[in-house]
Amino acid sequence: MADERSALAERTAETGWTRHQDDRVDVYMRGTARVRVIWQGDDVISGSSRFQDDIMESYTRELDTVRAWLAG
C-alpha cells in the first residue's frame, strides 16, 4: 500500500493540481489556489495552510481537512 503522501499526490494529479515538493513540504497549486503541506515522514502532517490569491485562508493539522481542500 502506498504511503499517505504518495496517495495524496496521485489523487491531486488526477484532479488538476500541480505539485512541487521538497524534503518535508509539498505545495499544491491550481489556478489561484495553493495548499502547502508540511509532512512528518510520509504518513503524518505537521500542518497545512490554504491560500487563495496569495492570502492565507485556513490552517489545519488534520490530514482529512487537507484531503477535502484538495478534492474540490
C-alpha atoms as a PDB file:
ATOM      1  CA  MET A   1       0.000   0.000   0.000  1.00  0.00           C
ATOM      2  CA  ALA A   2       1.236   3.498  -0.843  1.00  0.00           C
ATOM      3  CA  ASP A   3       2.012   5.957   1.909  1.00  0.00           C
ATOM      4  CA  GLU A   4      -0.327   8.908   2.543  1.00  0.00           C
ATOM      5  CA  ARG A   5       1.965  11.440   0.875  1.00  0.00           C
ATOM      6  CA  SER A   6       2.187   9.443  -2.361  1.00  0.00           C
ATOM      7  CA  ALA A   7      -1.529   8.645  -2.353  1.00  0.00           C
ATOM      8  CA  LEU A   8      -2.413  12.321  -1.931  1.00  0.00           C
ATOM      9  CA  ALA A   9      -0.066  13.267  -4.773  1.00  0.00           C
ATOM     10  CA  GLU A  10      -1.714  10.717  -7.079  1.00  0.00           C
ATOM     11  CA  ARG A  11      -5.261  11.862  -6.266  1.00  0.00           C
ATOM     12  CA  THR A  12      -4.459  15.529  -6.745  1.00  0.00           C
ATOM     13  CA  ALA A  13      -2.723  14.954 -10.083  1.00  0.00           C
ATOM     14  CA  GLU A  14      -5.949  13.367 -11.329  1.00  0.00           C
ATOM     15  CA  THR A  15      -7.945  16.486 -10.399  1.00  0.00           C
ATOM     16  CA  GLY A  16      -5.664  19.088 -11.985  1.00  0.00           C
ATOM     17  CA  TRP A  17      -3.410  20.134  -9.108  1.00  0.00           C
ATOM     18  CA  THR A  18       0.296  20.604  -9.771  1.00  0.00           C
ATOM     19  CA  ARG A  19       2.709  19.615  -7.016  1.00  0.00           C
ATOM     20  CA  HIS A  20       6.113  20.963  -6.068  1.00  0.00           C
ATOM     21  CA  GLN A  21       7.940  19.077  -3.360  1.00  0.00           C
ATOM     22  CA  ASP A  22      10.898  19.437  -1.056  1.00  0.00           C
ATOM     23  CA  ASP A  23      12.111  17.102   1.681  1.00  0.00           C
ATOM     24  CA  ARG A  24       9.203  17.752   4.052  1.00  0.00           C
ATOM     25  CA  VAL A  25       6.980  20.193   2.158  1.00  0.00           C
ATOM     26  CA  ASP A  26       4.545  19.723  -0.717  1.00  0.00           C
ATOM     27  CA  VAL A  27       2.921  22.712  -2.390  1.00  0.00           C
ATOM     28  CA  TYR A  28      -0.172  22.020  -4.476  1.00  0.00           C
ATOM     29  CA  MET A  29      -1.355  24.684  -6.945  1.00  0.00           C
ATOM     30  CA  ARG A  30      -4.378  25.031  -9.181  1.00  0.00           C
ATOM     31  CA  GLY A  31      -5.415  28.394 -10.578  1.00  0.00           C
ATOM     32  CA  THR A  32      -5.150  30.966  -7.777  1.00  0.00           C
ATOM     33  CA  ALA A  33      -5.451  28.310  -5.054  1.00  0.00           C
ATOM     34  CA  ARG A  34      -2.421  26.958  -3.211  1.00  0.00           C
ATOM     35  CA  VAL A  35      -2.144  24.386  -0.421  1.00  0.00           C
ATOM     36  CA  ARG A  36       1.137  23.955   1.483  1.00  0.00           C
ATOM     37  CA  VAL A  37       1.554  20.701   3.428  1.00  0.00           C
ATOM     38  CA  ILE A  38       4.379  20.064   5.916  1.00  0.00           C
ATOM     39  CA  TRP A  39       4.977  16.357   6.494  1.00  0.00           C
ATOM     40  CA  GLN A  40       6.370  14.351   9.430  1.00  0.00           C
ATOM     41  CA  GLY A  41       7.530  11.339   7.452  1.00  0.00           C
ATOM     42  CA  ASP A  42       5.206  10.100   4.711  1.00  0.00           C
ATOM     43  CA  ASP A  43       2.017   9.382   6.663  1.00  0.00           C
ATOM     44  CA  VAL A  44       1.500  12.245   9.159  1.00  0.00           C
ATOM     45  CA  ILE A  45       1.397  16.008   8.618  1.00  0.00           C
ATOM     46  CA  SER A  46       2.711  18.719  10.932  1.00  0.00           C
ATOM     47  CA  GLY A  47       0.316  21.234   9.447  1.00  0.00           C
ATOM     48  CA  SER A  48      -1.116  22.703   6.275  1.00  0.00           C
ATOM     49  CA  SER A  49      -2.143  26.135   5.027  1.00  0.00           C
ATOM     50  CA  ARG A  50      -4.633  27.010   2.293  1.00  0.00           C
ATOM     51  CA  PHE A  51      -4.143  30.180   0.265  1.00  0.00           C
ATOM     52  CA  GLN A  52      -6.359  31.945  -2.264  1.00  0.00           C
ATOM     53  CA  ASP A  53      -4.829  34.771  -4.309  1.00  0.00           C
ATOM     54  CA  ASP A  54      -1.756  34.566  -2.015  1.00  0.00           C
ATOM     55  CA  ILE A  55      -3.855  35.289   1.088  1.00  0.00           C
ATOM     56  CA  MET A  56      -3.870  32.604   3.761  1.00  0.00           C
ATOM     57  CA  GLU A  57      -7.430  31.465   4.391  1.00  0.00           C
ATOM     58  CA  SER A  58      -7.073  28.449   6.664  1.00  0.00           C
ATOM     59  CA  TYR A  59      -4.648  26.357   8.674  1.00  0.00           C
ATOM     60  CA  THR A  60      -5.084  22.785   9.869  1.00  0.00           C
ATOM     61  CA  ARG A  61      -3.210  19.879  11.391  1.00  0.00           C
ATOM     62  CA  GLU A  62      -5.797  17.366  10.130  1.00  0.00           C
ATOM     63  CA  LEU A  63      -4.974  15.304   7.041  1.00  0.00           C
ATOM     64  CA  ASP A  64      -8.687  14.756   6.372  1.00  0.00           C
ATOM     65  CA  THR A  65      -9.155  18.524   6.066  1.00  0.00           C
ATOM     66  CA  VAL A  66      -6.274  18.730   3.581  1.00  0.00           C
ATOM     67  CA  ARG A  67      -7.864  15.955   1.539  1.00  0.00           C
ATOM     68  CA  ALA A  68     -11.130  17.922   1.476  1.00  0.00           C
ATOM     69  CA  TRP A  69      -9.356  21.115   0.364  1.00  0.00           C
ATOM     70  CA  LEU A  70      -7.691  19.264  -2.498  1.00  0.00           C
ATOM     71  CA  ALA A  71     -10.797  17.314  -3.512  1.00  0.00           C
ATOM     72  CA  GLY A  72     -12.637  20.399  -4.740  1.00  0.00           C
END
